[in-house]
Amino acid sequence: MGKDIRNTVREQYGEIASKLKSGTSSCCCGPSCCTPIINPELFYNDQLRDLPAEAVNASLGCSNPLLFAEIKEGETVLDLGSGGGIDVLAASRYVGEKGKVYGLDMTDEMLELANQNKELADARNVEFLKGFIEEIPLPDETVDVVISNCVINLSMDKEKVFQEIYRVLKPGGRLAIADILSLKEVPAKIRKMTEMWVSCIAGAMDINQCKKILSQVGFRNIEIEPVHYYTKEGLKSMTGDKSEITNEEWEIIDRAFAGSHIKAVK
């Protein structure tokens, strides 16, 4: 991830975490990619039962990777960009006492919030780590499942992220991430807008490029399913209907991005 973009994202998410700790509701970078999870219960259902309200309120993703991760008891799971910890805490119930769930985040404020939520949930099989998703601080072949929720799009070096995921996965290990992908070409200036980077849109990888990189890294059984399409009306609300974007460009952008489920096996 470029330093400017990384710092912008870290500052914004740090501000979100601080607001959440003070009791102020917020969502993924303000108006954002997490629009589909305005009501997290729609995606998590029973997985939210008895989780700390602070963790639920800090849900900043675009879907629920646990829906298709097929996590089993005793497995080791890694959540990239774990934020307030909702996916980590939910996953900890699947792995049980013999399993382990790591959450990785680069933002001190989010890590502090996540550890508070860990204590509230009494999740003893959970550990939160500080670091970058391009440099995962775990040894080779130590994880059964890697999950992530609308985070990889924020990296400017997505190939490095997938290489790192492949490295830490055990042979036969699984990738199960929810992320924003682009389904068609969009104007270059859209991707240069900082507001949309932080909103998880401008950094969205092309769906075919995603498949190609996963294959080149070494993954097999690759499955990608767009599940939530972003309309021009929704994107206008994210960016404040920027006047420099023409009506023709808005038509091009309409449904060009989708929250997607991405699965693969090492």
Protein backbone atom coordinates (compact mmCIF):
# COMPACT_ATOMS: atom_id res chain seq x y z
CA MET A 1 0.00 0.00 0.00
CA GLY A 2 1.38 3.44 -0.88
CA LYS A 3 2.40 5.45 2.17
CA ASP A 4 0.00 8.32 1.48
CA ILE A 5 -2.98 6.04 1.00
CA ARG A 6 -1.95 3.82 3.92
CA ASN A 7 -1.63 6.82 6.24
CA THR A 8 -4.97 8.21 5.09
CA VAL A 9 -6.69 4.88 5.72
CA ARG A 10 -4.98 4.41 9.09
CA GLU A 11 -5.92 7.90 10.25
CA GLN A 12 -9.52 7.51 9.13
CA TYR A 13 -9.97 4.10 10.76
CA GLY A 14 -8.27 5.35 13.90
CA GLU A 15 -10.79 8.16 14.04
CA ILE A 16 -13.65 5.68 13.55
CA ALA A 17 -12.34 3.50 16.40
CA SER A 18 -12.06 6.52 18.70
CA LYS A 19 -15.63 7.53 17.92
CA LEU A 20 -16.89 4.01 18.56
CA LYS A 21 -15.09 3.87 21.90
CA SER A 22 -16.75 7.15 22.86
CA GLY A 23 -20.14 5.76 21.89
CA THR A 24 -20.47 7.60 18.58
CA SER A 25 -21.75 5.38 15.79
CA SER A 26 -19.74 5.27 12.59
CA CYS A 27 -19.16 3.14 9.50
CA CYS A 28 -16.36 2.21 7.11
CA CYS A 29 -14.70 5.59 6.49
CA GLY A 30 -17.91 7.60 6.68
CA PRO A 31 -20.17 7.08 3.65
CA SER A 32 -18.64 3.86 2.45
CA CYS A 33 -18.36 0.38 1.11
CA CYS A 34 -20.00 -1.05 4.18
CA THR A 35 -23.39 0.27 3.12
CA PRO A 36 -24.68 -3.34 2.86
CA ILE A 37 -23.99 -3.87 6.56
CA ILE A 38 -25.86 -0.90 7.93
CA ASN A 39 -27.82 -3.70 9.61
CA PRO A 40 -25.20 -6.36 10.44
CA GLU A 41 -27.88 -8.81 11.58
CA LEU A 42 -28.88 -9.27 7.93
CA PHE A 43 -25.51 -10.89 7.30
CA TYR A 44 -24.56 -12.47 10.62
CA ASN A 45 -27.85 -13.68 12.14
CA ASP A 46 -27.09 -16.06 15.03
CA GLN A 47 -23.35 -15.37 14.80
CA LEU A 48 -23.92 -12.04 16.58
CA ARG A 49 -25.64 -13.62 19.57
CA ASP A 50 -23.93 -12.61 22.82
CA LEU A 51 -21.13 -10.72 21.04
CA PRO A 52 -20.27 -7.34 22.61
CA ALA A 53 -22.33 -4.48 21.18
CA GLU A 54 -19.07 -2.59 20.69
CA ALA A 55 -17.85 -5.25 18.26
CA VAL A 56 -21.14 -5.35 16.36
CA ASN A 57 -21.22 -1.57 16.06
CA ALA A 58 -17.67 -1.61 14.68
CA SER A 59 -18.63 -3.83 11.74
CA LEU A 60 -17.04 -2.06 8.77
CA GLY A 61 -17.13 -4.71 6.08
CA CYS A 62 -19.09 -5.41 2.91
CA SER A 63 -20.36 -8.93 3.68
CA ASN A 64 -19.79 -11.87 6.02
CA PRO A 65 -16.89 -14.17 5.05
CA LEU A 66 -17.99 -16.67 7.68
CA LEU A 67 -20.96 -17.53 5.47
CA PHE A 68 -18.67 -19.37 3.05
CA ALA A 69 -15.41 -19.97 4.95
CA GLU A 70 -16.61 -23.37 6.27
CA ILE A 71 -14.53 -22.98 9.44
CA LYS A 72 -14.18 -26.17 11.47
CA GLU A 73 -13.50 -26.92 15.10
CA GLY A 74 -9.80 -26.94 15.97
CA GLU A 75 -8.70 -24.87 12.97
CA THR A 76 -6.44 -21.82 13.01
CA VAL A 77 -7.98 -18.76 11.35
CA LEU A 78 -6.49 -15.40 10.36
CA ASP A 79 -8.64 -12.31 9.75
CA LEU A 80 -6.88 -9.60 7.72
CA GLY A 81 -7.88 -6.06 8.70
CA SER A 82 -9.77 -7.25 11.75
CA GLY A 83 -10.96 -3.81 12.90
CA GLY A 84 -13.14 -3.98 16.00
CA GLY A 85 -13.01 -7.77 15.95
CA ILE A 86 -16.53 -8.88 14.93
CA ASP A 87 -15.37 -11.53 12.44
CA VAL A 88 -12.61 -12.74 14.76
CA LEU A 89 -14.98 -13.15 17.70
CA ALA A 90 -17.61 -14.84 15.56
CA ALA A 91 -14.98 -17.20 14.08
CA SER A 92 -13.71 -18.07 17.56
CA ARG A 93 -16.99 -19.88 18.21
CA TYR A 94 -16.45 -22.13 15.22
CA VAL A 95 -12.89 -23.19 16.09
CA GLY A 96 -13.65 -23.88 19.74
CA GLU A 97 -11.19 -24.23 22.59
CA LYS A 98 -8.76 -26.29 20.51
CA GLY A 99 -8.67 -23.71 17.71
CA LYS A 100 -7.15 -20.26 17.37
CA VAL A 101 -8.19 -17.05 15.64
CA TYR A 102 -5.76 -14.23 14.84
CA GLY A 103 -6.86 -10.73 13.91
CA LEU A 104 -4.39 -8.50 12.05
CA ASP A 105 -4.76 -4.72 11.91
CA MET A 106 -2.41 -1.77 11.39
CA THR A 107 -4.37 0.76 13.45
CA ASP A 108 -3.56 1.15 17.15
CA GLU A 109 -7.01 2.50 18.00
CA MET A 110 -8.74 -0.44 16.29
CA LEU A 111 -6.46 -2.93 18.03
CA GLU A 112 -7.25 -1.35 21.38
CA LEU A 113 -10.98 -1.53 20.63
CA ALA A 114 -10.65 -5.15 19.44
CA ASN A 115 -8.82 -6.21 22.59
CA GLN A 116 -11.49 -4.56 24.72
CA ASN A 117 -14.11 -6.53 22.80
CA LYS A 118 -12.06 -9.70 23.27
CA GLU A 119 -12.15 -9.19 27.04
CA LEU A 120 -15.88 -8.45 27.00
CA ALA A 121 -16.50 -11.65 25.04
CA ASP A 122 -14.06 -13.66 27.19
CA ALA A 123 -12.57 -15.05 23.96
CA ARG A 124 -9.50 -16.93 25.15
CA ASN A 125 -8.73 -18.46 21.75
CA VAL A 126 -8.26 -15.04 20.11
CA GLU A 127 -5.13 -12.93 19.55
CA PHE A 128 -4.90 -9.56 17.83
CA LEU A 129 -1.68 -8.66 16.01
CA LYS A 130 -0.37 -5.34 14.73
CA GLY A 131 0.95 -5.31 11.20
CA PHE A 132 0.30 -4.84 7.50
CA ILE A 133 -1.57 -7.27 5.29
CA GLU A 134 1.36 -7.09 2.84
CA GLU A 135 3.70 -8.32 5.63
CA ILE A 136 1.75 -10.81 7.74
CA PRO A 137 3.62 -11.38 11.05
CA LEU A 138 3.10 -15.16 11.16
CA PRO A 139 5.36 -18.09 10.15
CA ASP A 140 4.91 -20.08 6.95
CA GLU A 141 2.11 -22.66 6.76
CA THR A 142 0.54 -21.95 10.15
CA VAL A 143 -3.07 -21.07 9.21
CA ASP A 144 -5.96 -23.22 7.99
CA VAL A 145 -8.23 -20.40 6.82
CA VAL A 146 -7.64 -16.75 5.92
CA ILE A 147 -10.69 -14.49 5.98
CA SER A 148 -11.04 -10.79 5.27
CA ASN A 149 -13.92 -8.33 5.00
CA CYS A 150 -13.55 -5.44 2.56
CA VAL A 151 -9.87 -4.76 3.29
CA ILE A 152 -7.66 -6.05 0.45
CA ASN A 153 -9.10 -3.41 -1.90
CA LEU A 154 -7.38 -0.80 0.28
CA SER A 155 -3.92 -2.18 -0.54
CA MET A 156 -1.93 -0.88 -3.51
CA ASP A 157 0.03 -4.16 -3.70
CA LYS A 158 -2.69 -6.80 -3.87
CA GLU A 159 -0.40 -9.40 -5.42
CA LYS A 160 1.87 -9.13 -2.38
CA VAL A 161 -1.15 -9.59 -0.11
CA PHE A 162 -2.19 -12.78 -1.90
CA GLN A 163 1.41 -14.03 -1.84
CA GLU A 164 1.49 -13.50 1.91
CA ILE A 165 -1.84 -15.27 2.33
CA TYR A 166 -0.51 -18.20 0.32
CA ARG A 167 2.67 -18.26 2.42
CA VAL A 168 0.93 -18.47 5.81
CA LEU A 169 -1.69 -21.02 4.68
CA LYS A 170 -1.07 -24.68 5.31
CA PRO A 171 -1.19 -27.00 2.29
CA GLY A 172 -4.88 -27.44 1.54
CA GLY A 173 -5.65 -24.25 3.46
CA ARG A 174 -8.46 -21.98 2.33
CA LEU A 175 -8.95 -18.35 1.37
CA ALA A 176 -12.43 -16.93 2.02
CA ILE A 177 -12.72 -13.17 1.67
CA ALA A 178 -15.46 -10.66 1.05
CA ASP A 179 -14.22 -7.69 -0.96
CA ILE A 180 -15.12 -5.07 -3.54
CA LEU A 181 -14.24 -5.94 -7.14
CA SER A 182 -14.64 -3.90 -10.31
CA LEU A 183 -16.63 -5.61 -13.05
CA LYS A 184 -15.87 -3.20 -15.88
CA GLU A 185 -13.48 -0.37 -16.72
CA VAL A 186 -14.11 2.96 -15.04
CA PRO A 187 -12.59 6.43 -15.60
CA ALA A 188 -9.08 6.75 -14.17
CA LYS A 189 -9.94 9.87 -12.20
CA ILE A 190 -12.47 7.88 -10.17
CA ARG A 191 -9.68 5.69 -8.84
CA LYS A 192 -7.58 8.73 -7.92
CA MET A 193 -10.15 10.19 -5.57
CA THR A 194 -8.90 9.78 -2.00
CA GLU A 195 -12.45 9.77 -0.69
CA MET A 196 -13.22 6.71 -2.75
CA TRP A 197 -9.99 4.96 -1.75
CA VAL A 198 -10.96 5.23 1.88
CA SER A 199 -14.48 4.16 0.93
CA CYS A 200 -13.09 0.91 -0.51
CA ILE A 201 -14.23 1.65 -4.07
CA ALA A 202 -11.36 3.22 -6.00
CA GLY A 203 -8.94 0.45 -5.00
CA ALA A 204 -11.24 -2.34 -6.15
CA MET A 205 -9.42 -4.95 -8.23
CA ASP A 206 -10.76 -6.02 -11.61
CA ILE A 207 -12.53 -9.36 -11.24
CA ASN A 208 -10.48 -11.00 -14.02
CA GLN A 209 -7.24 -9.61 -12.62
CA CYS A 210 -8.16 -11.04 -9.24
CA LYS A 211 -8.61 -14.50 -10.75
CA LYS A 212 -5.32 -14.16 -12.65
CA ILE A 213 -3.29 -13.11 -9.60
CA LEU A 214 -4.77 -15.85 -7.42
CA SER A 215 -3.85 -18.41 -10.08
CA GLN A 216 -0.34 -17.03 -10.55
CA VAL A 217 0.31 -17.08 -6.82
CA GLY A 218 -0.60 -20.77 -6.79
CA PHE A 219 -4.20 -20.98 -5.62
CA ARG A 220 -6.58 -23.51 -7.11
CA ASN A 221 -10.35 -24.07 -7.03
CA ILE A 222 -10.85 -20.31 -7.41
CA GLU A 223 -14.46 -19.14 -7.10
CA ILE A 224 -15.58 -15.50 -7.31
CA GLU A 225 -19.22 -14.49 -6.92
CA PRO A 226 -20.44 -10.85 -7.05
CA VAL A 227 -23.24 -10.56 -4.49
CA HIS A 228 -23.92 -6.83 -4.01
CA TYR A 229 -23.78 -4.32 -6.87
CA TYR A 230 -23.12 -0.61 -6.30
CA THR A 231 -25.44 1.66 -8.23
CA LYS A 232 -24.65 5.20 -9.37
CA GLU A 233 -27.10 6.51 -6.78
CA GLY A 234 -25.26 4.79 -3.96
CA LEU A 235 -21.87 5.90 -5.25
CA LYS A 236 -23.07 9.49 -5.53
CA SER A 237 -24.01 9.41 -1.86
CA MET A 238 -20.51 8.10 -1.02
CA THR A 239 -18.65 10.83 -2.89
CA GLY A 240 -21.03 13.72 -2.30
CA ASP A 241 -22.06 13.70 -5.99
CA LYS A 242 -18.75 15.18 -7.18
CA SER A 243 -19.42 17.79 -9.85
CA GLU A 244 -16.26 16.86 -11.79
CA ILE A 245 -17.82 13.49 -12.65
CA THR A 246 -19.98 13.84 -15.75
CA ASN A 247 -23.39 12.24 -16.26
CA GLU A 248 -21.84 9.96 -18.88
CA GLU A 249 -19.21 8.83 -16.40
CA TRP A 250 -21.86 8.14 -13.76
CA GLU A 251 -23.57 5.83 -16.24
CA ILE A 252 -20.27 4.00 -16.76
CA ILE A 253 -19.77 3.68 -13.00
CA ASP A 254 -23.30 2.34 -12.42
CA ARG A 255 -23.01 -1.31 -11.23
CA ALA A 256 -19.31 -1.33 -12.13
CA PHE A 257 -18.39 -2.43 -8.60
CA ALA A 258 -19.69 -5.32 -6.54
CA GLY A 259 -19.16 -6.71 -3.08
CA SER A 260 -17.97 -10.22 -3.88
CA HIS A 261 -17.25 -13.57 -2.25
CA ILE A 262 -13.79 -14.88 -3.17
CA LYS A 263 -12.76 -18.46 -2.40
CA ALA A 264 -9.62 -20.44 -3.22
CA VAL A 265 -7.54 -23.35 -1.93
CA LYS A 266 -3.76 -23.66 -1.52
